[in-house]
Amino acid sequence: MQDLSPKDTDETPNEVGAVVNLLPAGELDQLAQDTETDKSSKRHDYMRFYEHLLAPYRNQEFSFLELGVGLPSRRAPSLRTWKAYFPKARIIGVDIRPGARDFEEDRIHIEIGNAARPRFLKRVFRSYQPSIILDDASHFWSHQIIGFQTLFPMLPPGGVYIVEDVHTSFLAQTEGSQYADYSESFWSYFNRLQSAVVCAQRHGPTLSIEENRIASWIDAIFVTRKSVAVVKRQSPRRREWMSAPEA
């Protein structure tokens, strides 16, 4: 019988491929740890993902809008992280609590208002013209949907819209979740848009006219743990949304 047991040998086995760390923790994650924001790898681990996606904006002059400043005791660590990582950017935080104004400093601006109100969101957008928007506000289903529906269409081409803590979409009303304040969760709403993009709006879910137009502007979608990011196209796919069936 042939001996198939392993043998000591000086031969180097054939290497099929290498294991590549495609999303390593980098400078943005270290800055997040330094400011003690929960976006770092010590908690939610968003920053590896964001650095990979947002690095082209690193040395650009632009506005970064974040919905939700955080608890007063935490000194707006997320805003300070963005300020450090984007040295030429204007950082805007939106919060419903007047005390959040205490966190204003050079290149960090605070707007007080309700992020669930489209009129307020539009006013803030027109004032600052952000290229990157991050929703880390209330996490309520309706608020996340309203924010995306209102602000993503206003983003310039190449802009990025991020929604954090999407896992709240899976906390059902029957479980007493405070976030389940609407008939449809953010993930349910967003997943329909995602399906429309993947199928080129030909055989996917039926969308409203507004949703068809939003989908036609989506260039790419990045999904990671608890977070989604959407990149806006340079121009809409008009043929797709104009021929898509209406809800």
Protein backbone atom coordinates (compact mmCIF):
# COMPACT_ATOMS: atom_id res chain seq x y z
CA MET A 1 0.00 0.00 0.00
CA GLN A 2 1.25 3.46 -0.87
CA ASP A 3 2.29 5.58 2.10
CA LEU A 4 0.30 8.84 1.89
CA SER A 5 1.37 10.21 5.26
CA PRO A 6 3.10 13.63 5.37
CA LYS A 7 6.88 13.52 5.09
CA ASP A 8 9.54 15.96 6.11
CA THR A 9 10.90 17.64 3.01
CA ASP A 10 12.94 20.65 2.03
CA GLU A 11 10.63 21.35 -0.88
CA THR A 12 8.50 24.50 -0.74
CA PRO A 13 4.83 23.72 -1.39
CA ASN A 14 3.17 25.43 -4.33
CA GLU A 15 1.52 28.67 -3.25
CA VAL A 16 -1.98 29.00 -4.63
CA GLY A 17 -2.45 32.57 -3.44
CA ALA A 18 -1.79 35.07 -0.70
CA VAL A 19 -4.10 36.34 2.00
CA VAL A 20 -4.41 40.10 1.49
CA ASN A 21 -5.66 42.50 4.12
CA LEU A 22 -7.84 44.68 1.91
CA LEU A 23 -9.31 46.93 4.60
CA PRO A 24 -6.60 47.38 7.22
CA ALA A 25 -6.96 49.75 10.15
CA GLY A 26 -5.16 52.93 9.18
CA GLU A 27 -4.72 56.53 10.21
CA LEU A 28 -8.44 57.30 10.36
CA ASP A 29 -9.03 54.47 12.81
CA GLN A 30 -6.13 55.64 14.98
CA LEU A 31 -7.53 59.19 15.01
CA ALA A 32 -10.90 57.74 16.02
CA GLN A 33 -9.27 55.88 18.89
CA ASP A 34 -7.46 59.04 19.98
CA THR A 35 -10.73 61.01 20.15
CA GLU A 36 -12.52 58.00 21.68
CA THR A 37 -15.37 57.94 19.19
CA ASP A 38 -17.28 54.66 19.06
CA LYS A 39 -16.67 54.51 15.30
CA SER A 40 -13.16 53.10 15.88
CA SER A 41 -12.16 49.44 15.81
CA LYS A 42 -12.55 49.35 19.58
CA ARG A 43 -16.33 49.51 19.15
CA HIS A 44 -18.26 49.63 15.86
CA ASP A 45 -15.18 49.33 13.61
CA TYR A 46 -16.45 51.68 10.88
CA MET A 47 -13.27 53.63 10.20
CA ARG A 48 -11.34 50.98 8.22
CA PHE A 49 -14.24 50.93 5.81
CA TYR A 50 -14.60 54.71 5.69
CA GLU A 51 -10.91 55.35 5.07
CA HIS A 52 -10.97 53.04 2.07
CA LEU A 53 -14.04 54.83 0.69
CA LEU A 54 -13.31 58.47 1.58
CA ALA A 55 -9.54 58.70 1.02
CA PRO A 56 -9.95 60.58 -2.32
CA TYR A 57 -11.42 63.49 -0.33
CA ARG A 58 -8.48 63.56 2.08
CA ASN A 59 -6.86 66.82 0.98
CA GLN A 60 -9.82 68.42 -0.75
CA GLU A 61 -11.68 71.56 0.31
CA PHE A 62 -15.27 70.46 0.93
CA SER A 63 -17.96 70.26 3.60
CA PHE A 64 -18.65 67.16 5.68
CA LEU A 65 -22.10 66.99 7.31
CA GLU A 66 -22.82 64.64 10.19
CA LEU A 67 -26.33 64.27 11.58
CA GLY A 68 -26.05 63.67 15.31
CA VAL A 69 -23.28 65.15 17.46
CA GLY A 70 -23.43 62.68 20.32
CA LEU A 71 -23.90 62.84 24.06
CA PRO A 72 -22.75 66.13 25.60
CA SER A 73 -20.29 64.33 27.85
CA ARG A 74 -18.38 62.95 24.86
CA ARG A 75 -17.19 66.29 23.42
CA ALA A 76 -18.20 65.50 19.81
CA PRO A 77 -15.37 62.99 19.18
CA SER A 78 -16.62 62.08 15.72
CA LEU A 79 -16.55 65.68 14.48
CA ARG A 80 -13.04 66.15 15.85
CA THR A 81 -11.94 62.97 14.10
CA TRP A 82 -13.19 64.24 10.74
CA LYS A 83 -11.49 67.59 11.33
CA ALA A 84 -8.17 65.86 11.96
CA TYR A 85 -8.44 63.51 8.99
CA PHE A 86 -9.65 66.13 6.47
CA PRO A 87 -7.33 69.12 7.09
CA LYS A 88 -9.02 71.38 4.52
CA ALA A 89 -12.64 70.41 5.15
CA ARG A 90 -15.41 72.29 6.90
CA ILE A 91 -17.11 69.97 9.42
CA ILE A 92 -20.80 70.51 10.25
CA GLY A 93 -22.65 68.75 13.01
CA VAL A 94 -26.44 68.73 13.38
CA ASP A 95 -28.10 68.04 16.70
CA ILE A 96 -31.46 68.75 18.31
CA ARG A 97 -29.89 69.69 21.67
CA PRO A 98 -28.87 73.37 22.01
CA GLY A 99 -25.94 72.36 24.21
CA ALA A 100 -24.22 70.85 21.20
CA ARG A 101 -23.16 74.38 20.21
CA ASP A 102 -20.52 74.15 22.91
CA PHE A 103 -18.51 71.92 20.59
CA GLU A 104 -17.99 74.55 17.93
CA GLU A 105 -14.38 75.43 17.16
CA ASP A 106 -12.23 76.29 14.18
CA ARG A 107 -13.63 74.45 11.13
CA ILE A 108 -16.38 72.79 13.19
CA HIS A 109 -19.86 74.32 12.92
CA ILE A 110 -22.97 73.19 14.76
CA GLU A 111 -26.55 73.58 13.53
CA ILE A 112 -29.37 73.03 16.01
CA GLY A 113 -32.57 71.51 14.68
CA ASN A 114 -34.65 68.41 14.06
CA ALA A 115 -33.04 66.11 11.48
CA ALA A 116 -36.45 64.54 10.82
CA ARG A 117 -37.73 67.74 9.20
CA PRO A 118 -36.97 68.05 5.48
CA ARG A 119 -37.24 71.84 5.51
CA PHE A 120 -34.53 72.13 8.16
CA LEU A 121 -32.30 69.60 6.38
CA LYS A 122 -32.61 71.46 3.08
CA ARG A 123 -31.72 74.74 4.74
CA VAL A 124 -28.60 73.24 6.28
CA PHE A 125 -27.60 71.69 2.97
CA ARG A 126 -28.02 74.95 1.08
CA SER A 127 -25.89 76.74 3.68
CA TYR A 128 -22.93 74.37 3.51
CA GLN A 129 -23.22 72.32 0.27
CA PRO A 130 -21.71 69.12 1.76
CA SER A 131 -20.11 66.44 -0.40
CA ILE A 132 -20.19 63.78 2.33
CA ILE A 133 -23.17 63.21 4.63
CA LEU A 134 -23.18 60.78 7.55
CA ASP A 135 -26.37 59.96 9.44
CA ASP A 136 -25.61 59.00 13.03
CA ALA A 137 -28.62 60.76 14.55
CA SER A 138 -31.66 59.18 16.20
CA HIS A 139 -31.60 55.84 14.27
CA PHE A 140 -35.41 55.94 14.07
CA TRP A 141 -36.67 54.23 10.92
CA SER A 142 -38.60 57.25 9.69
CA HIS A 143 -35.75 59.67 10.41
CA GLN A 144 -33.21 57.60 8.45
CA ILE A 145 -35.57 57.37 5.48
CA ILE A 146 -36.44 61.08 5.57
CA GLY A 147 -32.77 62.05 5.78
CA PHE A 148 -31.78 59.92 2.81
CA GLN A 149 -34.78 60.88 0.67
CA THR A 150 -34.18 64.56 1.36
CA LEU A 151 -30.41 64.88 1.19
CA PHE A 152 -29.11 62.23 -1.21
CA PRO A 153 -30.79 63.91 -4.22
CA MET A 154 -29.09 67.19 -3.23
CA LEU A 155 -25.57 65.72 -3.06
CA PRO A 156 -23.19 66.70 -5.86
CA PRO A 157 -22.00 63.98 -8.26
CA GLY A 158 -19.33 61.89 -6.56
CA GLY A 159 -20.82 62.63 -3.16
CA VAL A 160 -21.15 59.96 -0.49
CA TYR A 161 -24.10 59.32 1.84
CA ILE A 162 -23.54 57.05 4.86
CA VAL A 163 -26.13 55.68 7.26
CA GLU A 164 -24.89 54.13 10.49
CA ASP A 165 -26.58 51.79 12.95
CA VAL A 166 -28.79 50.22 10.30
CA HIS A 167 -29.11 47.20 12.58
CA THR A 168 -31.96 49.08 14.29
CA SER A 169 -34.05 48.12 11.24
CA PHE A 170 -34.13 44.59 12.60
CA LEU A 171 -35.47 45.56 16.02
CA ALA A 172 -39.18 44.93 15.55
CA GLN A 173 -42.06 46.88 16.99
CA THR A 174 -43.25 43.70 18.70
CA GLU A 175 -40.00 43.69 20.65
CA GLY A 176 -40.72 47.16 21.98
CA SER A 177 -38.04 48.86 19.92
CA GLN A 178 -38.10 52.64 20.20
CA TYR A 179 -36.68 52.87 16.68
CA ALA A 180 -39.58 51.09 14.97
CA ASP A 181 -41.63 54.26 14.50
CA TYR A 182 -42.72 53.70 10.90
CA SER A 183 -44.46 51.08 8.76
CA GLU A 184 -41.22 50.33 6.92
CA SER A 185 -37.69 50.07 8.29
CA PHE A 186 -34.79 51.90 6.70
CA TRP A 187 -33.25 48.62 5.56
CA SER A 188 -36.50 47.51 3.92
CA TYR A 189 -36.72 50.85 2.09
CA PHE A 190 -33.05 50.86 1.13
CA ASN A 191 -33.02 47.23 0.08
CA ARG A 192 -35.63 47.99 -2.55
CA LEU A 193 -33.39 50.71 -3.98
CA GLN A 194 -30.43 48.36 -3.86
CA SER A 195 -32.39 45.66 -5.72
CA ALA A 196 -33.38 48.19 -8.38
CA VAL A 197 -29.73 49.14 -8.91
CA VAL A 198 -28.56 45.53 -9.16
CA CYS A 199 -31.23 44.54 -11.69
CA ALA A 200 -30.91 47.80 -13.68
CA GLN A 201 -34.50 48.62 -12.71
CA ARG A 202 -35.86 45.99 -15.09
CA HIS A 203 -37.10 43.07 -13.01
CA GLY A 204 -36.84 44.32 -9.46
CA PRO A 205 -39.33 45.69 -6.94
CA THR A 206 -41.88 48.29 -7.93
CA LEU A 207 -40.77 51.75 -6.85
CA SER A 208 -42.37 55.16 -6.73
CA ILE A 209 -41.31 57.79 -9.26
CA GLU A 210 -39.16 59.44 -6.57
CA GLU A 211 -37.50 56.14 -5.67
CA ASN A 212 -36.82 55.35 -9.32
CA ARG A 213 -35.05 58.67 -9.72
CA ILE A 214 -32.99 58.12 -6.58
CA ALA A 215 -31.97 54.66 -7.78
CA SER A 216 -30.92 56.09 -11.15
CA TRP A 217 -28.40 58.33 -9.35
CA ILE A 218 -26.79 55.52 -7.33
CA ASP A 219 -23.36 54.57 -8.66
CA ALA A 220 -22.29 52.08 -5.98
CA ILE A 221 -23.43 50.75 -2.62
CA PHE A 222 -21.09 49.56 0.11
CA VAL A 223 -22.50 47.48 2.95
CA THR A 224 -20.63 46.56 6.08
CA ARG A 225 -21.52 45.69 9.66
CA LYS A 226 -24.32 48.06 10.80
CA SER A 227 -23.52 50.60 8.09
CA VAL A 228 -24.26 51.37 4.44
CA ALA A 229 -22.68 53.94 2.12
CA VAL A 230 -23.94 55.17 -1.23
CA VAL A 231 -21.86 56.88 -3.92
CA LYS A 232 -23.67 59.26 -6.25
CA ARG A 233 -23.23 58.98 -10.01
CA GLN A 234 -21.94 61.76 -12.25
CA SER A 235 -25.29 61.72 -14.05
CA PRO A 236 -28.52 59.70 -13.73
CA ARG A 237 -29.33 56.64 -15.77
CA ARG A 238 -32.32 58.38 -17.33
CA ARG A 239 -33.28 55.50 -19.60
CA GLU A 240 -33.67 53.23 -16.57
CA TRP A 241 -35.80 55.42 -14.34
CA MET A 242 -37.94 56.75 -17.19
CA SER A 243 -38.82 53.24 -18.33
CA ALA A 244 -39.22 51.73 -14.85
CA PRO A 245 -42.78 50.84 -13.81
CA GLU A 246 -44.41 53.18 -11.31
CA ALA A 247 -45.75 52.07 -7.96
